[in-house]
C-alpha atoms as a PDB file:
ATOM      1  CA  UNK A   1      95.850 109.642 137.403  1.00  0.00           C
ATOM      2  CA  UNK A   2      97.694 106.372 136.711  1.00  0.00           C
ATOM      3  CA  UNK A   3      95.599 104.276 134.310  1.00  0.00           C
ATOM      4  CA  UNK A   4      98.191 101.500 134.078  1.00  0.00           C
ATOM      5  CA  UNK A   5      98.132 102.160 130.337  1.00  0.00           C
ATOM      6  CA  UNK A   6     100.797 101.943 127.680  1.00  0.00           C
ATOM      7  CA  UNK A   7     101.713 105.284 126.122  1.00  0.00           C
ATOM      8  CA  UNK A   8     102.014 104.728 122.371  1.00  0.00           C
ATOM      9  CA  UNK A   9     103.200 107.188 119.737  1.00  0.00           C
ATOM     10  CA  UNK A  10     102.230 106.413 116.132  1.00  0.00           C
ATOM     11  CA  UNK A  11     103.522 107.684 112.826  1.00  0.00           C
ATOM     12  CA  UNK A  12     103.721 106.513 109.238  1.00  0.00           C
ATOM     13  CA  UNK A  13     106.236 106.863 106.433  1.00  0.00           C
ATOM     14  CA  UNK A  14     106.760 105.632 102.915  1.00  0.00           C
ATOM     15  CA  UNK A  15     109.721 104.727 100.763  1.00  0.00           C
ATOM     16  CA  UNK A  16     109.806 104.233  97.013  1.00  0.00           C
ATOM     17  CA  UNK A  17     112.301 102.179  95.043  1.00  0.00           C
ATOM     18  CA  UNK A  18     114.623 105.170  94.609  1.00  0.00           C
ATOM     19  CA  UNK A  19     116.834 105.024  97.724  1.00  0.00           C
ATOM     20  CA  UNK A  20     117.540 108.087  99.861  1.00  0.00           C
ATOM     21  CA  UNK A  21     120.833 109.754  98.969  1.00  0.00           C
ATOM     22  CA  UNK A  22     123.665 109.398 101.413  1.00  0.00           C
ATOM     23  CA  UNK A  23     127.362 110.093 101.673  1.00  0.00           C
ATOM     24  CA  UNK A  24     129.907 107.399 100.959  1.00  0.00           C
ATOM     25  CA  UNK A  25     133.611 106.975 100.272  1.00  0.00           C
ATOM     26  CA  UNK A  26     135.044 107.112  96.779  1.00  0.00           C
ATOM     27  CA  UNK A  27     138.312 107.746  95.006  1.00  0.00           C
ATOM     28  CA  UNK A  28     139.113 111.410  94.527  1.00  0.00           C
ATOM     29  CA  UNK A  29     137.608 112.619  91.280  1.00  0.00           C
ATOM     30  CA  UNK A  30     135.393 109.535  90.869  1.00  0.00           C
ATOM     31  CA  UNK A  31     131.904 110.153  92.233  1.00  0.00           C
ATOM     32  CA  UNK A  32     130.257 106.816  93.117  1.00  0.00           C
ATOM     33  CA  UNK A  33     127.087 106.170  91.110  1.00  0.00           C
ATOM     34  CA  UNK A  34     124.395 103.803  92.368  1.00  0.00           C
ATOM     35  CA  UNK A  35     122.045 102.462  89.664  1.00  0.00           C
ATOM     36  CA  UNK A  36     118.424 102.579  90.845  1.00  0.00           C
ATOM     37  CA  UNK A  37     115.050 101.370  89.679  1.00  0.00           C
ATOM     38  CA  UNK A  38     112.670 104.311  89.541  1.00  0.00           C
ATOM     39  CA  UNK A  39     109.617 102.146  88.946  1.00  0.00           C
ATOM     40  CA  UNK A  40     106.899 104.760  88.951  1.00  0.00           C
ATOM     41  CA  UNK A  41     104.772 105.041  92.058  1.00  0.00           C
ATOM     42  CA  UNK A  42     105.558 101.683  93.663  1.00  0.00           C
ATOM     43  CA  UNK A  43     106.362 102.137  97.336  1.00  0.00           C
ATOM     44  CA  UNK A  44     106.348 100.561 100.770  1.00  0.00           C
ATOM     45  CA  UNK A  45     104.169 102.323 103.339  1.00  0.00           C
ATOM     46  CA  UNK A  46     104.969 101.758 107.002  1.00  0.00           C
ATOM     47  CA  UNK A  47     103.068 102.526 110.206  1.00  0.00           C
ATOM     48  CA  UNK A  48     104.727 102.081 113.592  1.00  0.00           C
ATOM     49  CA  UNK A  49     104.037 102.477 117.285  1.00  0.00           C
ATOM     50  CA  UNK A  50     106.619 103.095 119.988  1.00  0.00           C
ATOM     51  CA  UNK A  51     104.988 101.925 123.219  1.00  0.00           C
ATOM     52  CA  UNK A  52     106.292 102.709 126.697  1.00  0.00           C
ATOM     53  CA  UNK A  53     105.183 101.918 130.222  1.00  0.00           C
ATOM     54  CA  UNK A  54     106.980 102.386 133.524  1.00  0.00           C
ATOM     55  CA  UNK A  55     108.746  99.199 134.572  1.00  0.00           C
ATOM     56  CA  UNK A  56     108.489  97.628 131.106  1.00  0.00           C
ATOM     57  CA  UNK A  57     110.796  97.520 128.093  1.00  0.00           C
ATOM     58  CA  UNK A  58     109.598  99.835 125.325  1.00  0.00           C
ATOM     59  CA  UNK A  59     108.258  98.100 122.249  1.00  0.00           C
ATOM     60  CA  UNK A  60     108.254  98.876 118.559  1.00  0.00           C
ATOM     61  CA  UNK A  61     105.181  97.503 116.761  1.00  0.00           C
ATOM     62  CA  UNK A  62     104.800  98.064 113.023  1.00  0.00           C
ATOM     63  CA  UNK A  63     102.851  97.124 109.918  1.00  0.00           C
ATOM     64  CA  UNK A  64     103.819  97.241 106.224  1.00  0.00           C
ATOM     65  CA  UNK A  65     101.553  98.096 103.289  1.00  0.00           C
ATOM     66  CA  UNK A  66     102.649  97.606  99.664  1.00  0.00           C
ATOM     67  CA  UNK A  67     101.525 100.058  97.009  1.00  0.00           C
ATOM     68  CA  UNK A  68     102.145  98.406  93.646  1.00  0.00           C
ATOM     69  CA  UNK A  69     101.081 101.437  91.626  1.00  0.00           C
ATOM     70  CA  UNK A  70      97.892 103.173  90.587  1.00  0.00           C
ATOM     71  CA  UNK A  71      94.702 101.158  90.391  1.00  0.00           C
ATOM     72  CA  UNK A  72      91.143 102.398  90.161  1.00  0.00           C
ATOM     73  CA  UNK A  73      89.427 102.520  93.533  1.00  0.00           C
ATOM     74  CA  UNK A  74      92.526 101.454  95.486  1.00  0.00           C
ATOM     75  CA  UNK A  75      93.729 103.766  98.220  1.00  0.00           C
ATOM     76  CA  UNK A  76      97.412 104.536  98.556  1.00  0.00           C
ATOM     77  CA  UNK A  77      98.713 103.872 102.055  1.00  0.00           C
ATOM     78  CA  UNK A  78      96.892 102.810 105.206  1.00  0.00           C
ATOM     79  CA  UNK A  79      93.123 102.961 105.632  1.00  0.00           C
ATOM     80  CA  UNK A  80      91.166 103.438 108.850  1.00  0.00           C
ATOM     81  CA  UNK A  81      90.655  99.667 108.990  1.00  0.00           C
ATOM     82  CA  UNK A  82      94.416  99.098 108.673  1.00  0.00           C
ATOM     83  CA  UNK A  83      95.052 101.452 111.610  1.00  0.00           C
ATOM     84  CA  UNK A  84      92.365  99.712 113.665  1.00  0.00           C
ATOM     85  CA  UNK A  85      94.052  96.345 112.994  1.00  0.00           C
ATOM     86  CA  UNK A  86      97.418  97.758 114.052  1.00  0.00           C
ATOM     87  CA  UNK A  87      95.925  99.131 117.280  1.00  0.00           C
ATOM     88  CA  UNK A  88      94.063  95.881 118.024  1.00  0.00           C
ATOM     89  CA  UNK A  89      97.286  93.903 117.519  1.00  0.00           C
ATOM     90  CA  UNK A  90      99.168  96.308 119.820  1.00  0.00           C
ATOM     91  CA  UNK A  91      96.467  96.028 122.494  1.00  0.00           C
ATOM     92  CA  UNK A  92      96.635  92.247 122.365  1.00  0.00           C
ATOM     93  CA  UNK A  93     100.453  92.212 122.429  1.00  0.00           C
ATOM     94  CA  UNK A  94     100.750  94.795 125.227  1.00  0.00           C
ATOM     95  CA  UNK A  95      97.947  93.295 127.330  1.00  0.00           C
ATOM     96  CA  UNK A  96      96.556  96.544 128.694  1.00  0.00           C
ATOM     97  CA  UNK A  97      94.856  99.842 127.904  1.00  0.00           C
ATOM     98  CA  UNK A  98      96.513 102.147 125.379  1.00  0.00           C
ATOM     99  CA  UNK A  99      96.910 105.925 125.334  1.00  0.00           C
ATOM    100  CA  UNK A 100      97.664 106.756 121.710  1.00  0.00           C
ATOM    101  CA  UNK A 101      99.313 109.960 120.499  1.00  0.00           C
ATOM    102  CA  UNK A 102      99.371 110.656 116.768  1.00  0.00           C
ATOM    103  CA  UNK A 103      99.247 113.444 114.209  1.00  0.00           C
ATOM    104  CA  UNK A 104      96.392 115.050 112.274  1.00  0.00           C
ATOM    105  CA  UNK A 105      96.556 112.877 109.164  1.00  0.00           C
ATOM    106  CA  UNK A 106      93.168 112.888 107.428  1.00  0.00           C
ATOM    107  CA  UNK A 107      92.757 109.151 108.071  1.00  0.00           C
ATOM    108  CA  UNK A 108      93.365 109.710 111.802  1.00  0.00           C
ATOM    109  CA  UNK A 109      90.643 112.343 112.172  1.00  0.00           C
ATOM    110  CA  UNK A 110      88.008 110.966 109.785  1.00  0.00           C
ATOM    111  CA  UNK A 111      84.494 110.066 110.900  1.00  0.00           C
ATOM    112  CA  UNK A 112      85.210 106.369 110.279  1.00  0.00           C
ATOM    113  CA  UNK A 113      88.292 106.555 112.544  1.00  0.00           C
ATOM    114  CA  UNK A 114      86.303 108.343 115.275  1.00  0.00           C
ATOM    115  CA  UNK A 115      83.796 105.467 115.207  1.00  0.00           C
ATOM    116  CA  UNK A 116      86.544 102.837 115.367  1.00  0.00           C
ATOM    117  CA  UNK A 117      88.140 104.631 118.334  1.00  0.00           C
ATOM    118  CA  UNK A 118      84.805 104.989 120.163  1.00  0.00           C
ATOM    119  CA  UNK A 119      84.229 101.211 119.843  1.00  0.00           C
ATOM    120  CA  UNK A 120      87.471 100.454 121.714  1.00  0.00           C
ATOM    121  CA  UNK A 121      86.975 101.202 125.414  1.00  0.00           C
ATOM    122  CA  UNK A 122      90.643 100.417 126.143  1.00  0.00           C
ATOM    123  CA  UNK A 123      91.849 103.184 123.812  1.00  0.00           C
ATOM    124  CA  UNK A 124      92.278 106.907 124.536  1.00  0.00           C
ATOM    125  CA  UNK A 125      93.572 109.097 121.702  1.00  0.00           C
ATOM    126  CA  UNK A 126      95.323 112.479 121.726  1.00  0.00           C
ATOM    127  CA  UNK A 127      96.239 114.538 118.667  1.00  0.00           C
ATOM    128  CA  UNK A 128      99.647 116.123 118.314  1.00  0.00           C
ATOM    129  CA  UNK A 129      99.660 119.838 117.457  1.00  0.00           C
ATOM    130  CA  UNK A 130     100.071 120.549 113.721  1.00  0.00           C
ATOM    131  CA  UNK A 131     103.646 120.512 112.385  1.00  0.00           C
ATOM    132  CA  UNK A 132     105.224 119.031 115.514  1.00  0.00           C
ATOM    133  CA  UNK A 133     107.350 116.071 114.366  1.00  0.00           C
ATOM    134  CA  UNK A 134     109.840 116.794 117.171  1.00  0.00           C
ATOM    135  CA  UNK A 135     107.214 115.584 119.679  1.00  0.00           C
ATOM    136  CA  UNK A 136     106.869 112.164 118.072  1.00  0.00           C
ATOM    137  CA  UNK A 137     109.665 109.657 118.834  1.00  0.00           C
ATOM    138  CA  UNK A 138     108.624 107.459 115.868  1.00  0.00           C
ATOM    139  CA  UNK A 139     110.170 110.112 113.601  1.00  0.00           C
ATOM    140  CA  UNK A 140     113.530 108.874 114.911  1.00  0.00           C
ATOM    141  CA  UNK A 141     112.709 105.350 113.721  1.00  0.00           C
ATOM    142  CA  UNK A 142     112.065 106.624 110.179  1.00  0.00           C
ATOM    143  CA  UNK A 143     115.241 108.714 110.243  1.00  0.00           C
ATOM    144  CA  UNK A 144     117.304 105.714 111.345  1.00  0.00           C
ATOM    145  CA  UNK A 145     115.614 103.442 108.777  1.00  0.00           C
ATOM    146  CA  UNK A 146     116.099 105.836 105.857  1.00  0.00           C
ATOM    147  CA  UNK A 147     119.761 106.406 106.736  1.00  0.00           C
ATOM    148  CA  UNK A 148     120.244 102.628 106.635  1.00  0.00           C
ATOM    149  CA  UNK A 149     118.648 102.491 103.153  1.00  0.00           C
ATOM    150  CA  UNK A 150     120.812 105.268 101.694  1.00  0.00           C
ATOM    151  CA  UNK A 151     122.516 104.373  98.400  1.00  0.00           C
ATOM    152  CA  UNK A 152     121.121 100.833  98.585  1.00  0.00           C
ATOM    153  CA  UNK A 153     119.603  99.884  95.206  1.00  0.00           C
ATOM    154  CA  UNK A 154     116.541  97.640  95.121  1.00  0.00           C
ATOM    155  CA  UNK A 155     115.386  96.063  91.879  1.00  0.00           C
ATOM    156  CA  UNK A 156     111.836  95.112  92.851  1.00  0.00           C
ATOM    157  CA  UNK A 157     109.174  96.108  95.361  1.00  0.00           C
ATOM    158  CA  UNK A 158     109.382  92.683  97.000  1.00  0.00           C
ATOM    159  CA  UNK A 159     113.144  92.977  97.450  1.00  0.00           C
ATOM    160  CA  UNK A 160     112.723  96.488  98.841  1.00  0.00           C
ATOM    161  CA  UNK A 161     110.029  95.289 101.264  1.00  0.00           C
ATOM    162  CA  UNK A 162     112.263  92.465 102.516  1.00  0.00           C
ATOM    163  CA  UNK A 163     115.063  94.958 103.277  1.00  0.00           C
ATOM    164  CA  UNK A 164     112.666  97.334 105.106  1.00  0.00           C
ATOM    165  CA  UNK A 165     111.244  94.476 107.197  1.00  0.00           C
ATOM    166  CA  UNK A 166     114.746  93.274 108.104  1.00  0.00           C
ATOM    167  CA  UNK A 167     115.792  96.759 109.235  1.00  0.00           C
ATOM    168  CA  UNK A 168     112.633  97.252 111.321  1.00  0.00           C
ATOM    169  CA  UNK A 169     112.976  93.789 112.862  1.00  0.00           C
ATOM    170  CA  UNK A 170     116.525  94.667 113.959  1.00  0.00           C
ATOM    171  CA  UNK A 171     115.207  97.813 115.623  1.00  0.00           C
ATOM    172  CA  UNK A 172     112.562  95.755 117.454  1.00  0.00           C
ATOM    173  CA  UNK A 173     115.230  93.599 119.064  1.00  0.00           C
ATOM    174  CA  UNK A 174     117.535  96.507 119.857  1.00  0.00           C
ATOM    175  CA  UNK A 175     115.129  98.759 121.760  1.00  0.00           C
ATOM    176  CA  UNK A 176     117.754 101.404 122.499  1.00  0.00           C
ATOM    177  CA  UNK A 177     117.955 102.224 118.779  1.00  0.00           C
ATOM    178  CA  UNK A 178     114.190 102.439 118.393  1.00  0.00           C
ATOM    179  CA  UNK A 179     113.582 104.454 121.559  1.00  0.00           C
ATOM    180  CA  UNK A 180     113.659 108.208 121.497  1.00  0.00           C
ATOM    181  CA  UNK A 181     113.066 110.444 124.454  1.00  0.00           C
ATOM    182  CA  UNK A 182     109.322 110.735 124.824  1.00  0.00           C
ATOM    183  CA  UNK A 183     107.900 114.167 125.558  1.00  0.00           C
ATOM    184  CA  UNK A 184     107.011 114.721 129.179  1.00  0.00           C
ATOM    185  CA  UNK A 185     103.444 114.635 130.475  1.00  0.00           C
ATOM    186  CA  UNK A 186     103.152 118.422 130.439  1.00  0.00           C
ATOM    187  CA  UNK A 187     103.638 118.547 126.678  1.00  0.00           C
ATOM    188  CA  UNK A 188     100.369 116.688 126.045  1.00  0.00           C
ATOM    189  CA  UNK A 189      98.204 119.311 127.735  1.00  0.00           C
ATOM    190  CA  UNK A 190      97.319 121.072 124.488  1.00  0.00           C
ATOM    191  CA  UNK A 191      96.306 117.918 122.643  1.00  0.00           C
ATOM    192  CA  UNK A 192      92.734 117.220 121.613  1.00  0.00           C
ATOM    193  CA  UNK A 193      91.170 114.085 123.066  1.00  0.00           C
ATOM    194  CA  UNK A 194      89.313 111.955 120.525  1.00  0.00           C
ATOM    195  CA  UNK A 195      88.399 109.278 123.030  1.00  0.00           C
ATOM    196  CA  UNK A 196      86.126 109.419 126.016  1.00  0.00           C
END
């Protein structure tokens, strides 16, 4: 059945101030050393959607969450409310119903998230099977992003966040780099429906 809906894959990732290691050029016998700031648990959390629909350009929609370190009662990463805001923004931007495919993160399958999903009649949700990152094209966005951050020292969380936002913004305007081949319709048959 054609619902006229956008098919959206969601995933999240995080990156601390210590950059991913990567290869680079250097003089023989002189290993390049990149000074880094290993400032405890400070990190940038990212959640992104790759949205596709026949006859439309695919879209990358993302949100950033800053974790400035441990604080009593503060949750690390995205909450159910944060995900609901991301989905509401995507629905408004895309202008149509959304079929969402995401993993089994505890926040995705919590009672609060079930209630938020049930309140959105335009949203249908499917769970990916456990341990199946190869089925989620957003994994390619994180791979591309982290390769671009390799060996790049950041001295503060704000500086790091600015670099991450710049890289993601570039991917938004170059859809070929943010698009990965989406799994075919047959591969969703074993997914659990959380919606109606």
